[in-house]
Amino acid sequence: MSVLTSKRTYAVLAAVQAADAAACVGPIPPIKKTFDDVGLAEELRPLIPVVKAASAVGLLSVFRRPALARFTTFMLTVYFVLAVGSHVRARDWSPSLVAASSFLALFGAMTVRGPDVTPS
């Protein structure tokens, strides 16, 4: 077992995604600024907290449905490819690009490795 395959890692990242979903509901000012900086359309903004909340549930599925958790990391990889692409397209070289790139690498590696399927 490694950190990338640990069920605890999936649970911690689910909490991060849930907190991010809550922060996107308003959204809080730094997130609104990021949405503005990358030119995210107003009509798409309400979908972001839903996507992030769904990803939190998908990551937590690691305890009963590891294949669903792995699919969730794949979809998060796709999400962060789009996020990084949006930052680059907008020439937004802010710390948000670093964060999105880091999550892209993390979820991509988790997708490749998959979760540990031994009983916890």
PDB file of N, CA and C in Angstrom:
ATOM      1  N   MET A   1       0.848  -1.179   0.000  1.00  0.00           N
ATOM      2  CA  MET A   1       0.000   0.000   0.000  1.00  0.00           C
ATOM      3  C   MET A   1       0.892   1.240   0.000  1.00  0.00           C
ATOM      4  N   SER A   2       0.491   2.244  -0.746  1.00  0.00           N
ATOM      5  CA  SER A   2       1.201   3.525  -0.756  1.00  0.00           C
ATOM      6  C   SER A   2       0.204   4.633  -0.433  1.00  0.00           C
ATOM      7  N   VAL A   3       0.740   5.816  -0.294  1.00  0.00           N
ATOM      8  CA  VAL A   3      -0.127   6.959  -0.018  1.00  0.00           C
ATOM      9  C   VAL A   3      -1.149   7.134  -1.144  1.00  0.00           C
ATOM     10  N   LEU A   4      -0.729   6.908  -2.383  1.00  0.00           N
ATOM     11  CA  LEU A   4      -1.634   7.087  -3.522  1.00  0.00           C
ATOM     12  C   LEU A   4      -2.774   6.080  -3.543  1.00  0.00           C
ATOM     13  N   THR A   5      -2.577   4.925  -2.958  1.00  0.00           N
ATOM     14  CA  THR A   5      -3.596   3.874  -3.015  1.00  0.00           C
ATOM     15  C   THR A   5      -4.369   3.731  -1.714  1.00  0.00           C
ATOM     16  N   SER A   6      -3.969   4.453  -0.692  1.00  0.00           N
ATOM     17  CA  SER A   6      -4.572   4.333   0.629  1.00  0.00           C
ATOM     18  C   SER A   6      -6.018   4.845   0.659  1.00  0.00           C
ATOM     19  N   LYS A   7      -6.862   4.085   1.317  1.00  0.00           N
ATOM     20  CA  LYS A   7      -8.257   4.523   1.479  1.00  0.00           C
ATOM     21  C   LYS A   7      -8.334   5.808   2.302  1.00  0.00           C
ATOM     22  N   ARG A   8      -7.386   5.976   3.212  1.00  0.00           N
ATOM     23  CA  ARG A   8      -7.342   7.212   4.013  1.00  0.00           C
ATOM     24  C   ARG A   8      -7.094   8.420   3.105  1.00  0.00           C
ATOM     25  N   THR A   9      -6.226   8.272   2.108  1.00  0.00           N
ATOM     26  CA  THR A   9      -5.971   9.357   1.156  1.00  0.00           C
ATOM     27  C   THR A   9      -7.249   9.722   0.416  1.00  0.00           C
ATOM     28  N   TYR A  10      -7.983   8.705  -0.024  1.00  0.00           N
ATOM     29  CA  TYR A  10      -9.252   8.955  -0.712  1.00  0.00           C
ATOM     30  C   TYR A  10     -10.215   9.714   0.216  1.00  0.00           C
ATOM     31  N   ALA A  11     -10.270   9.318   1.483  1.00  0.00           N
ATOM     32  CA  ALA A  11     -11.175   9.976   2.432  1.00  0.00           C
ATOM     33  C   ALA A  11     -10.764  11.429   2.680  1.00  0.00           C
ATOM     34  N   VAL A  12      -9.466  11.670   2.824  1.00  0.00           N
ATOM     35  CA  VAL A  12      -8.990  13.045   3.040  1.00  0.00           C
ATOM     36  C   VAL A  12      -9.297  13.910   1.818  1.00  0.00           C
ATOM     37  N   LEU A  13      -9.045  13.377   0.628  1.00  0.00           N
ATOM     38  CA  LEU A  13      -9.340  14.134  -0.589  1.00  0.00           C
ATOM     39  C   LEU A  13     -10.845  14.344  -0.769  1.00  0.00           C
ATOM     40  N   ALA A  14     -11.660  13.413  -0.299  1.00  0.00           N
ATOM     41  CA  ALA A  14     -13.116  13.617  -0.328  1.00  0.00           C
ATOM     42  C   ALA A  14     -13.487  14.804   0.551  1.00  0.00           C
ATOM     43  N   ALA A  15     -12.856  14.912   1.713  1.00  0.00           N
ATOM     44  CA  ALA A  15     -13.123  16.052   2.602  1.00  0.00           C
ATOM     45  C   ALA A  15     -12.678  17.362   1.951  1.00  0.00           C
ATOM     46  N   VAL A  16     -11.542  17.333   1.262  1.00  0.00           N
ATOM     47  CA  VAL A  16     -11.061  18.529   0.554  1.00  0.00           C
ATOM     48  C   VAL A  16     -12.064  18.928  -0.528  1.00  0.00           C
ATOM     49  N   GLN A  17     -12.544  17.952  -1.298  1.00  0.00           N
ATOM     50  CA  GLN A  17     -13.510  18.243  -2.354  1.00  0.00           C
ATOM     51  C   GLN A  17     -14.825  18.767  -1.769  1.00  0.00           C
ATOM     52  N   ALA A  18     -15.263  18.196  -0.653  1.00  0.00           N
ATOM     53  CA  ALA A  18     -16.506  18.664  -0.013  1.00  0.00           C
ATOM     54  C   ALA A  18     -16.356  20.104   0.479  1.00  0.00           C
ATOM     55  N   ALA A  19     -15.214  20.408   1.089  1.00  0.00           N
ATOM     56  CA  ALA A  19     -14.976  21.781   1.560  1.00  0.00           C
ATOM     57  C   ALA A  19     -14.904  22.747   0.377  1.00  0.00           C
ATOM     58  N   ASP A  20     -14.268  22.320  -0.700  1.00  0.00           N
ATOM     59  CA  ASP A  20     -14.183  23.155  -1.901  1.00  0.00           C
ATOM     60  C   ASP A  20     -15.572  23.362  -2.505  1.00  0.00           C
ATOM     61  N   ALA A  21     -16.385  22.316  -2.487  1.00  0.00           N
ATOM     62  CA  ALA A  21     -17.764  22.453  -2.986  1.00  0.00           C
ATOM     63  C   ALA A  21     -18.520  23.504  -2.182  1.00  0.00           C
ATOM     64  N   ALA A  22     -18.369  23.459  -0.865  1.00  0.00           N
ATOM     65  CA  ALA A  22     -19.047  24.437  -0.006  1.00  0.00           C
ATOM     66  C   ALA A  22     -18.542  25.853  -0.296  1.00  0.00           C
ATOM     67  N   ALA A  23     -17.238  25.984  -0.516  1.00  0.00           N
ATOM     68  CA  ALA A  23     -16.665  27.305  -0.809  1.00  0.00           C
ATOM     69  C   ALA A  23     -17.133  27.832  -2.165  1.00  0.00           C
ATOM     70  N   CYS A  24     -17.469  26.936  -3.073  1.00  0.00           N
ATOM     71  CA  CYS A  24     -17.911  27.339  -4.415  1.00  0.00           C
ATOM     72  C   CYS A  24     -19.395  27.705  -4.462  1.00  0.00           C
ATOM     73  N   VAL A  25     -20.145  27.384  -3.423  1.00  0.00           N
ATOM     74  CA  VAL A  25     -21.587  27.659  -3.441  1.00  0.00           C
ATOM     75  C   VAL A  25     -21.845  29.143  -3.541  1.00  0.00           C
ATOM     76  N   GLY A  26     -21.122  29.952  -2.777  1.00  0.00           N
ATOM     77  CA  GLY A  26     -21.316  31.405  -2.724  1.00  0.00           C
ATOM     78  C   GLY A  26     -21.048  32.130  -4.022  1.00  0.00           C
ATOM     79  N   PRO A  27     -19.940  32.014  -4.629  1.00  0.00           N
ATOM     80  CA  PRO A  27     -18.708  31.457  -4.090  1.00  0.00           C
ATOM     81  C   PRO A  27     -17.985  32.477  -3.225  1.00  0.00           C
ATOM     82  N   ILE A  28     -17.008  31.998  -2.434  1.00  0.00           N
ATOM     83  CA  ILE A  28     -16.227  32.928  -1.633  1.00  0.00           C
ATOM     84  C   ILE A  28     -15.399  33.795  -2.590  1.00  0.00           C
ATOM     85  N   PRO A  29     -15.002  35.000  -2.162  1.00  0.00           N
ATOM     86  CA  PRO A  29     -14.330  35.945  -3.070  1.00  0.00           C
ATOM     87  C   PRO A  29     -13.125  35.402  -3.850  1.00  0.00           C
ATOM     88  N   PRO A  30     -12.189  34.649  -3.233  1.00  0.00           N
ATOM     89  CA  PRO A  30     -11.060  34.171  -4.051  1.00  0.00           C
ATOM     90  C   PRO A  30     -11.497  33.219  -5.174  1.00  0.00           C
ATOM     91  N   ILE A  31     -12.505  32.424  -4.920  1.00  0.00           N
ATOM     92  CA  ILE A  31     -12.983  31.510  -5.953  1.00  0.00           C
ATOM     93  C   ILE A  31     -13.720  32.282  -7.045  1.00  0.00           C
ATOM     94  N   LYS A  32     -14.505  33.265  -6.646  1.00  0.00           N
ATOM     95  CA  LYS A  32     -15.191  34.104  -7.640  1.00  0.00           C
ATOM     96  C   LYS A  32     -14.162  34.798  -8.535  1.00  0.00           C
ATOM     97  N   LYS A  33     -13.082  35.294  -7.915  1.00  0.00           N
ATOM     98  CA  LYS A  33     -12.032  35.955  -8.700  1.00  0.00           C
ATOM     99  C   LYS A  33     -11.404  34.973  -9.690  1.00  0.00           C
ATOM    100  N   THR A  34     -11.158  33.748  -9.256  1.00  0.00           N
ATOM    101  CA  THR A  34     -10.589  32.747 -10.155  1.00  0.00           C
ATOM    102  C   THR A  34     -11.535  32.445 -11.306  1.00  0.00           C
ATOM    103  N   PHE A  35     -12.827  32.286 -10.988  1.00  0.00           N
ATOM    104  CA  PHE A  35     -13.821  32.053 -12.038  1.00  0.00           C
ATOM    105  C   PHE A  35     -13.811  33.208 -13.048  1.00  0.00           C
ATOM    106  N   ASP A  36     -13.747  34.439 -12.507  1.00  0.00           N
ATOM    107  CA  ASP A  36     -13.702  35.615 -13.383  1.00  0.00           C
ATOM    108  C   ASP A  36     -12.420  35.632 -14.226  1.00  0.00           C
ATOM    109  N   ASP A  37     -11.286  35.331 -13.583  1.00  0.00           N
ATOM    110  CA  ASP A  37      -9.987  35.374 -14.272  1.00  0.00           C
ATOM    111  C   ASP A  37      -9.911  34.404 -15.438  1.00  0.00           C
ATOM    112  N   VAL A  38     -10.522  33.224 -15.282  1.00  0.00           N
ATOM    113  CA  VAL A  38     -10.467  32.232 -16.371  1.00  0.00           C
ATOM    114  C   VAL A  38     -11.649  32.357 -17.321  1.00  0.00           C
ATOM    115  N   GLY A  39     -12.569  33.264 -17.021  1.00  0.00           N
ATOM    116  CA  GLY A  39     -13.703  33.502 -17.913  1.00  0.00           C
ATOM    117  C   GLY A  39     -14.768  32.417 -17.858  1.00  0.00           C
ATOM    118  N   LEU A  40     -14.953  31.798 -16.688  1.00  0.00           N
ATOM    119  CA  LEU A  40     -15.991  30.771 -16.566  1.00  0.00           C
ATOM    120  C   LEU A  40     -17.364  31.431 -16.692  1.00  0.00           C
ATOM    121  N   ALA A  41     -18.157  30.925 -17.608  1.00  0.00           N
ATOM    122  CA  ALA A  41     -19.483  31.505 -17.873  1.00  0.00           C
ATOM    123  C   ALA A  41     -20.355  31.445 -16.622  1.00  0.00           C
ATOM    124  N   GLU A  42     -21.132  32.492 -16.420  1.00  0.00           N
ATOM    125  CA  GLU A  42     -22.014  32.579 -15.245  1.00  0.00           C
ATOM    126  C   GLU A  42     -22.961  31.382 -15.147  1.00  0.00           C
ATOM    127  N   GLU A  43     -23.458  30.918 -16.289  1.00  0.00           N
ATOM    128  CA  GLU A  43     -24.429  29.814 -16.257  1.00  0.00           C
ATOM    129  C   GLU A  43     -23.782  28.478 -15.867  1.00  0.00           C
ATOM    130  N   LEU A  44     -22.466  28.379 -15.958  1.00  0.00           N
ATOM    131  CA  LEU A  44     -21.777  27.145 -15.559  1.00  0.00           C
ATOM    132  C   LEU A  44     -21.373  27.132 -14.087  1.00  0.00           C
ATOM    133  N   ARG A  45     -21.284  28.280 -13.477  1.00  0.00           N
ATOM    134  CA  ARG A  45     -20.800  28.377 -12.096  1.00  0.00           C
ATOM    135  C   ARG A  45     -21.624  27.582 -11.087  1.00  0.00           C
ATOM    136  N   PRO A  46     -22.948  27.523 -11.204  1.00  0.00           N
ATOM    137  CA  PRO A  46     -23.707  26.716 -10.238  1.00  0.00           C
ATOM    138  C   PRO A  46     -23.421  25.209 -10.342  1.00  0.00           C
ATOM    139  N   LEU A  47     -22.876  24.765 -11.454  1.00  0.00           N
ATOM    140  CA  LEU A  47     -22.572  23.344 -11.622  1.00  0.00           C
ATOM    141  C   LEU A  47     -21.315  22.925 -10.862  1.00  0.00           C
ATOM    142  N   ILE A  48     -20.416  23.848 -10.618  1.00  0.00           N
ATOM    143  CA  ILE A  48     -19.128  23.508 -10.004  1.00  0.00           C
ATOM    144  C   ILE A  48     -19.306  22.889  -8.614  1.00  0.00           C
ATOM    145  N   PRO A  49     -20.105  23.470  -7.707  1.00  0.00           N
ATOM    146  CA  PRO A  49     -20.261  22.820  -6.405  1.00  0.00           C
ATOM    147  C   PRO A  49     -20.905  21.437  -6.503  1.00  0.00           C
ATOM    148  N   VAL A  50     -21.789  21.250  -7.465  1.00  0.00           N
ATOM    149  CA  VAL A  50     -22.431  19.945  -7.655  1.00  0.00           C
ATOM    150  C   VAL A  50     -21.394  18.915  -8.092  1.00  0.00           C
ATOM    151  N   VAL A  51     -20.552  19.294  -9.036  1.00  0.00           N
ATOM    152  CA  VAL A  51     -19.498  18.396  -9.521  1.00  0.00           C
ATOM    153  C   VAL A  51     -18.539  18.042  -8.388  1.00  0.00           C
ATOM    154  N   LYS A  52     -18.148  19.038  -7.608  1.00  0.00           N
ATOM    155  CA  LYS A  52     -17.206  18.794  -6.519  1.00  0.00           C
ATOM    156  C   LYS A  52     -17.834  17.941  -5.417  1.00  0.00           C
ATOM    157  N   ALA A  53     -19.101  18.174  -5.105  1.00  0.00           N
ATOM    158  CA  ALA A  53     -19.782  17.342  -4.097  1.00  0.00           C
ATOM    159  C   ALA A  53     -19.909  15.900  -4.587  1.00  0.00           C
ATOM    160  N   ALA A  54     -20.247  15.734  -5.857  1.00  0.00           N
ATOM    161  CA  ALA A  54     -20.344  14.386  -6.431  1.00  0.00           C
ATOM    162  C   ALA A  54     -18.990  13.690  -6.396  1.00  0.00           C
ATOM    163  N   SER A  55     -17.925  14.445  -6.638  1.00  0.00           N
ATOM    164  CA  SER A  55     -16.595  13.829  -6.596  1.00  0.00           C
ATOM    165  C   SER A  55     -16.236  13.399  -5.179  1.00  0.00           C
ATOM    166  N   ALA A  56     -16.682  14.154  -4.184  1.00  0.00           N
ATOM    167  CA  ALA A  56     -16.436  13.760  -2.792  1.00  0.00           C
ATOM    168  C   ALA A  56     -17.119  12.431  -2.494  1.00  0.00           C
ATOM    169  N   VAL A  57     -18.356  12.292  -2.934  1.00  0.00           N
ATOM    170  CA  VAL A  57     -19.086  11.030  -2.741  1.00  0.00           C
ATOM    171  C   VAL A  57     -18.380   9.902  -3.496  1.00  0.00           C
ATOM    172  N   GLY A  58     -17.957  10.175  -4.710  1.00  0.00           N
ATOM    173  CA  GLY A  58     -17.258   9.159  -5.501  1.00  0.00           C
ATOM    174  C   GLY A  58     -15.957   8.716  -4.858  1.00  0.00           C
ATOM    175  N   LEU A  59     -15.214   9.652  -4.290  1.00  0.00           N
ATOM    176  CA  LEU A  59     -13.973   9.282  -3.607  1.00  0.00           C
ATOM    177  C   LEU A  59     -14.251   8.438  -2.366  1.00  0.00           C
ATOM    178  N   LEU A  60     -15.319   8.761  -1.663  1.00  0.00           N
ATOM    179  CA  LEU A  60     -15.675   7.973  -0.472  1.00  0.00           C
ATOM    180  C   LEU A  60     -16.163   6.576  -0.822  1.00  0.00           C
ATOM    181  N   SER A  61     -16.533   6.374  -2.059  1.00  0.00           N
ATOM    182  CA  SER A  61     -16.984   5.046  -2.471  1.00  0.00           C
ATOM    183  C   SER A  61     -15.857   4.024  -2.416  1.00  0.00           C
ATOM    184  N   VAL A  62     -14.638   4.461  -2.163  1.00  0.00           N
ATOM    185  CA  VAL A  62     -13.490   3.568  -2.100  1.00  0.00           C
ATOM    186  C   VAL A  62     -13.699   2.449  -1.075  1.00  0.00           C
ATOM    187  N   PHE A  63     -14.508   2.706  -0.061  1.00  0.00           N
ATOM    188  CA  PHE A  63     -14.705   1.715   0.995  1.00  0.00           C
ATOM    189  C   PHE A  63     -15.613   0.565   0.567  1.00  0.00           C
ATOM    190  N   ARG A  64     -16.490   0.804  -0.394  1.00  0.00           N
ATOM    191  CA  ARG A  64     -17.404  -0.251  -0.854  1.00  0.00           C
ATOM    192  C   ARG A  64     -17.309  -0.549  -2.343  1.00  0.00           C
ATOM    193  N   ARG A  65     -16.940   0.434  -3.117  1.00  0.00           N
ATOM    194  CA  ARG A  65     -16.878   0.288  -4.577  1.00  0.00           C
ATOM    195  C   ARG A  65     -15.567   0.889  -5.089  1.00  0.00           C
ATOM    196  N   PRO A  66     -14.459   0.191  -4.926  1.00  0.00           N
ATOM    197  CA  PRO A  66     -13.160   0.746  -5.360  1.00  0.00           C
ATOM    198  C   PRO A  66     -13.124   1.122  -6.842  1.00  0.00           C
ATOM    199  N   ALA A  67     -13.834   0.376  -7.671  1.00  0.00           N
ATOM    200  CA  ALA A  67     -13.838   0.709  -9.105  1.00  0.00           C
ATOM    201  C   ALA A  67     -14.487   2.074  -9.343  1.00  0.00           C
ATOM    202  N   LEU A  68     -15.530   2.392  -8.603  1.00  0.00           N
ATOM    203  CA  LEU A  68     -16.172   3.706  -8.723  1.00  0.00           C
ATOM    204  C   LEU A  68     -15.224   4.804  -8.244  1.00  0.00           C
ATOM    205  N   ALA A  69     -14.493   4.539  -7.182  1.00  0.00           N
ATOM    206  CA  ALA A  69     -13.520   5.522  -6.692  1.00  0.00           C
ATOM    207  C   ALA A  69     -12.440   5.771  -7.736  1.00  0.00           C
ATOM    208  N   ARG A  70     -12.003   4.721  -8.402  1.00  0.00           N
ATOM    209  CA  ARG A  70     -10.992   4.887  -9.453  1.00  0.00           C
ATOM    210  C   ARG A  70     -11.573   5.661 -10.632  1.00  0.00           C
ATOM    211  N   PHE A  71     -12.803   5.382 -10.994  1.00  0.00           N
ATOM    212  CA  PHE A  71     -13.458   6.151 -12.060  1.00  0.00           C
ATOM    213  C   PHE A  71     -13.562   7.622 -11.657  1.00  0.00           C
ATOM    214  N   THR A  72     -13.828   7.869 -10.381  1.00  0.00           N
ATOM    215  CA  THR A  72     -13.915   9.247  -9.885  1.00  0.00           C
ATOM    216  C   THR A  72     -12.573   9.950 -10.031  1.00  0.00           C
ATOM    217  N   THR A  73     -11.472   9.265  -9.708  1.00  0.00           N
ATOM    218  CA  THR A  73     -10.162   9.912  -9.880  1.00  0.00           C
ATOM    219  C   THR A  73      -9.891  10.183 -11.360  1.00  0.00           C
ATOM    220  N   PHE A  74     -10.362   9.288 -12.233  1.00  0.00           N
ATOM    221  CA  PHE A  74     -10.215   9.534 -13.674  1.00  0.00           C
ATOM    222  C   PHE A  74     -10.992  10.790 -14.081  1.00  0.00           C
ATOM    223  N   MET A  75     -12.228  10.896 -13.629  1.00  0.00           N
ATOM    224  CA  MET A  75     -13.048  12.063 -13.986  1.00  0.00           C
ATOM    225  C   MET A  75     -12.466  13.347 -13.382  1.00  0.00           C
ATOM    226  N   LEU A  76     -11.887  13.255 -12.183  1.00  0.00           N
ATOM    227  CA  LEU A  76     -11.225  14.426 -11.601  1.00  0.00           C
ATOM    228  C   LEU A  76      -9.982  14.801 -12.412  1.00  0.00           C
ATOM    229  N   THR A  77      -9.310  13.821 -12.962  1.00  0.00           N
ATOM    230  CA  THR A  77      -8.184  14.104 -13.849  1.00  0.00           C
ATOM    231  C   THR A  77      -8.664  14.894 -15.065  1.00  0.00           C
ATOM    232  N   VAL A  78      -9.771  14.468 -15.644  1.00  0.00           N
ATOM    233  CA  VAL A  78     -10.353  15.188 -16.788  1.00  0.00           C
ATOM    234  C   VAL A  78     -10.734  16.613 -16.363  1.00  0.00           C
ATOM    235  N   TYR A  79     -11.386  16.732 -15.218  1.00  0.00           N
ATOM    236  CA  TYR A  79     -11.793  18.045 -14.693  1.00  0.00           C
ATOM    237  C   TYR A  79     -10.579  18.975 -14.577  1.00  0.00           C
ATOM    238  N   PHE A  80      -9.485  18.450 -14.008  1.00  0.00           N
ATOM    239  CA  PHE A  80      -8.321  19.305 -13.802  1.00  0.00           C
ATOM    240  C   PHE A  80      -7.539  19.556 -15.093  1.00  0.00           C
ATOM    241  N   VAL A  81      -7.637  18.679 -16.078  1.00  0.00           N
ATOM    242  CA  VAL A  81      -7.093  18.993 -17.405  1.00  0.00           C
ATOM    243  C   VAL A  81      -7.816  20.224 -17.951  1.00  0.00           C
ATOM    244  N   LEU A  82      -9.138  20.233 -17.807  1.00  0.00           N
ATOM    245  CA  LEU A  82      -9.926  21.382 -18.276  1.00  0.00           C
ATOM    246  C   LEU A  82      -9.609  22.633 -17.471  1.00  0.00           C
ATOM    247  N   ALA A  83      -9.426  22.478 -16.156  1.00  0.00           N
ATOM    248  CA  ALA A  83      -9.102  23.632 -15.310  1.00  0.00           C
ATOM    249  C   ALA A  83      -7.747  24.221 -15.692  1.00  0.00           C
ATOM    250  N   VAL A  84      -6.739  23.361 -15.834  1.00  0.00           N
ATOM    251  CA  VAL A  84      -5.410  23.845 -16.223  1.00  0.00           C
ATOM    252  C   VAL A  84      -5.483  24.501 -17.599  1.00  0.00           C
ATOM    253  N   GLY A  85      -6.194  23.870 -18.507  1.00  0.00           N
ATOM    254  CA  GLY A  85      -6.357  24.454 -19.840  1.00  0.00           C
ATOM    255  C   GLY A  85      -7.016  25.825 -19.801  1.00  0.00           C
ATOM    256  N   SER A  86      -7.990  25.986 -18.922  1.00  0.00           N
ATOM    257  CA  SER A  86      -8.670  27.289 -18.789  1.00  0.00           C
ATOM    258  C   SER A  86      -7.713  28.353 -18.271  1.00  0.00           C
ATOM    259  N   HIS A  87      -6.891  27.986 -17.296  1.00  0.00           N
ATOM    260  CA  HIS A  87      -5.912  28.945 -16.768  1.00  0.00           C
ATOM    261  C   HIS A  87      -4.902  29.340 -17.844  1.00  0.00           C
ATOM    262  N   VAL A  88      -4.413  28.359 -18.587  1.00  0.00           N
ATOM    263  CA  VAL A  88      -3.412  28.639 -19.628  1.00  0.00           C
ATOM    264  C   VAL A  88      -4.033  29.482 -20.740  1.00  0.00           C
ATOM    265  N   ARG A  89      -5.249  29.106 -21.163  1.00  0.00           N
ATOM    266  CA  ARG A  89      -5.934  29.866 -22.224  1.00  0.00           C
ATOM    267  C   ARG A  89      -6.116  31.325 -21.824  1.00  0.00           C
ATOM    268  N   ALA A  90      -6.434  31.540 -20.535  1.00  0.00           N
ATOM    269  CA  ALA A  90      -6.665  32.897 -20.035  1.00  0.00           C
ATOM    270  C   ALA A  90      -5.367  33.606 -19.635  1.00  0.00           C
ATOM    271  N   ARG A  91      -4.241  32.911 -19.797  1.00  0.00           N
ATOM    272  CA  ARG A  91      -2.949  33.435 -19.371  1.00  0.00           C
ATOM    273  C   ARG A  91      -2.964  33.836 -17.894  1.00  0.00           C
ATOM    274  N   ASP A  92      -3.623  32.999 -17.106  1.00  0.00           N
ATOM    275  CA  ASP A  92      -3.718  33.210 -15.659  1.00  0.00           C
ATOM    276  C   ASP A  92      -2.627  32.378 -14.995  1.00  0.00           C
ATOM    277  N   TRP A  93      -1.509  33.009 -14.687  1.00  0.00           N
ATOM    278  CA  TRP A  93      -0.360  32.309 -14.112  1.00  0.00           C
ATOM    279  C   TRP A  93      -0.368  32.427 -12.601  1.00  0.00           C
ATOM    280  N   SER A  94      -1.540  32.437 -11.996  1.00  0.00           N
ATOM    281  CA  SER A  94      -1.702  32.615 -10.558  1.00  0.00           C
ATOM    282  C   SER A  94      -1.446  31.315  -9.800  1.00  0.00           C
ATOM    283  N   PRO A  95      -1.425  31.390  -8.471  1.00  0.00           N
ATOM    284  CA  PRO A  95      -1.305  30.166  -7.672  1.00  0.00           C
ATOM    285  C   PRO A  95      -2.435  29.158  -7.946  1.00  0.00           C
ATOM    286  N   SER A  96      -3.549  29.613  -8.463  1.00  0.00           N
ATOM    287  CA  SER A  96      -4.638  28.692  -8.809  1.00  0.00           C
ATOM    288  C   SER A  96      -4.210  27.715  -9.900  1.00  0.00           C
ATOM    289  N   LEU A  97      -3.367  28.162 -10.818  1.00  0.00           N
ATOM    290  CA  LEU A  97      -2.839  27.273 -11.854  1.00  0.00           C
ATOM    291  C   LEU A  97      -1.942  26.211 -11.232  1.00  0.00           C
ATOM    292  N   VAL A  98      -1.139  26.614 -10.256  1.00  0.00           N
ATOM    293  CA  VAL A  98      -0.264  25.651  -9.566  1.00  0.00           C
ATOM    294  C   VAL A  98      -1.112  24.618  -8.835  1.00  0.00           C
ATOM    295  N   ALA A  99      -2.163  25.071  -8.163  1.00  0.00           N
ATOM    296  CA  ALA A  99      -3.043  24.149  -7.439  1.00  0.00           C
ATOM    297  C   ALA A  99      -3.727  23.188  -8.404  1.00  0.00           C
ATOM    298  N   ALA A 100      -4.271  23.707  -9.492  1.00  0.00           N
ATOM    299  CA  ALA A 100      -4.953  22.851 -10.466  1.00  0.00           C
ATOM    300  C   ALA A 100      -3.978  21.855 -11.082  1.00  0.00           C
ATOM    301  N   SER A 101      -2.767  22.291 -11.369  1.00  0.00           N
ATOM    302  CA  SER A 101      -1.759  21.393 -11.941  1.00  0.00           C
ATOM    303  C   SER A 101      -1.366  20.308 -10.944  1.00  0.00           C
ATOM    304  N   SER A 102      -1.264  20.673  -9.682  1.00  0.00           N
ATOM    305  CA  SER A 102      -0.923  19.697  -8.643  1.00  0.00           C
ATOM    306  C   SER A 102      -2.019  18.647  -8.501  1.00  0.00           C
ATOM    307  N   PHE A 103      -3.275  19.092  -8.483  1.00  0.00           N
ATOM    308  CA  PHE A 103      -4.382  18.139  -8.397  1.00  0.00           C
ATOM    309  C   PHE A 103      -4.456  17.272  -9.657  1.00  0.00           C
ATOM    310  N   LEU A 104      -4.144  17.847 -10.801  1.00  0.00           N
ATOM    311  CA  LEU A 104      -4.106  17.065 -12.039  1.00  0.00           C
ATOM    312  C   LEU A 104      -3.097  15.928 -11.909  1.00  0.00           C
ATOM    313  N   ALA A 105      -1.907  16.249 -11.445  1.00  0.00           N
ATOM    314  CA  ALA A 105      -0.874  15.222 -11.286  1.00  0.00           C
ATOM    315  C   ALA A 105      -1.280  14.183 -10.243  1.00  0.00           C
ATOM    316  N   LEU A 106      -1.831  14.640  -9.134  1.00  0.00           N
ATOM    317  CA  LEU A 106      -2.238  13.728  -8.070  1.00  0.00           C
ATOM    318  C   LEU A 106      -3.327  12.771  -8.529  1.00  0.00           C
ATOM    319  N   PHE A 107      -4.412  13.306  -9.078  1.00  0.00           N
ATOM    320  CA  PHE A 107      -5.516  12.442  -9.485  1.00  0.00           C
ATOM    321  C   PHE A 107      -5.132  11.571 -10.684  1.00  0.00           C
ATOM    322  N   GLY A 108      -4.264  12.065 -11.547  1.00  0.00           N
ATOM    323  CA  GLY A 108      -3.776  11.233 -12.638  1.00  0.00           C
ATOM    324  C   GLY A 108      -2.996  10.039 -12.116  1.00  0.00           C
ATOM    325  N   ALA A 109      -2.109  10.280 -11.156  1.00  0.00           N
ATOM    326  CA  ALA A 109      -1.332   9.186 -10.562  1.00  0.00           C
ATOM    327  C   ALA A 109      -2.241   8.217  -9.808  1.00  0.00           C
ATOM    328  N   MET A 110      -3.233   8.742  -9.118  1.00  0.00           N
ATOM    329  CA  MET A 110      -4.168   7.872  -8.391  1.00  0.00           C
ATOM    330  C   MET A 110      -4.979   7.012  -9.357  1.00  0.00           C
ATOM    331  N   THR A 111      -5.308   7.566 -10.505  1.00  0.00           N
ATOM    332  CA  THR A 111      -6.049   6.792 -11.505  1.00  0.00           C
ATOM    333  C   THR A 111      -5.194   5.641 -12.017  1.00  0.00           C
ATOM    334  N   VAL A 112      -3.943   5.923 -12.286  1.00  0.00           N
ATOM    335  CA  VAL A 112      -3.046   4.882 -12.783  1.00  0.00           C
ATOM    336  C   VAL A 112      -2.877   3.771 -11.748  1.00  0.00           C
ATOM    337  N   ARG A 113      -2.680   4.143 -10.503  1.00  0.00           N
ATOM    338  CA  ARG A 113      -2.429   3.162  -9.442  1.00  0.00           C
ATOM    339  C   ARG A 113      -3.690   2.464  -8.977  1.00  0.00           C
ATOM    340  N   GLY A 114      -4.798   3.204  -8.883  1.00  0.00           N
ATOM    341  CA  GLY A 114      -6.027   2.635  -8.340  1.00  0.00           C
ATOM    342  C   GLY A 114      -5.950   2.497  -6.834  1.00  0.00           C
ATOM    343  N   PRO A 115      -7.097   2.330  -6.191  1.00  0.00           N
ATOM    344  CA  PRO A 115      -7.099   2.212  -4.738  1.00  0.00           C
ATOM    345  C   PRO A 115      -6.664   0.817  -4.281  1.00  0.00           C
ATOM    346  N   ASP A 116      -6.195   0.763  -3.042  1.00  0.00           N
ATOM    347  CA  ASP A 116      -5.873  -0.508  -2.419  1.00  0.00           C
ATOM    348  C   ASP A 116      -7.183  -1.269  -2.217  1.00  0.00           C
ATOM    349  N   VAL A 117      -7.259  -2.497  -2.668  1.00  0.00           N
ATOM    350  CA  VAL A 117      -8.499  -3.250  -2.576  1.00  0.00           C
ATOM    351  C   VAL A 117      -8.496  -4.302  -1.466  1.00  0.00           C
ATOM    352  N   THR A 118      -7.472  -4.270  -0.618  1.00  0.00           N
ATOM    353  CA  THR A 118      -7.478  -5.183   0.518  1.00  0.00           C
ATOM    354  C   THR A 118      -8.436  -4.655   1.572  1.00  0.00           C
ATOM    355  N   PRO A 119      -9.047  -5.539   2.365  1.00  0.00           N
ATOM    356  CA  PRO A 119      -9.987  -5.081   3.396  1.00  0.00           C
ATOM    357  C   PRO A 119      -9.292  -4.142   4.373  1.00  0.00           C
ATOM    358  N   SER A 120     -10.029  -3.108   4.832  1.00  0.00           N
ATOM    359  CA  SER A 120      -9.417  -2.157   5.765  1.00  0.00           C
ATOM    360  C   SER A 120      -9.481  -2.630   7.185  1.00  0.00           C
TER     361      SER A 120
END
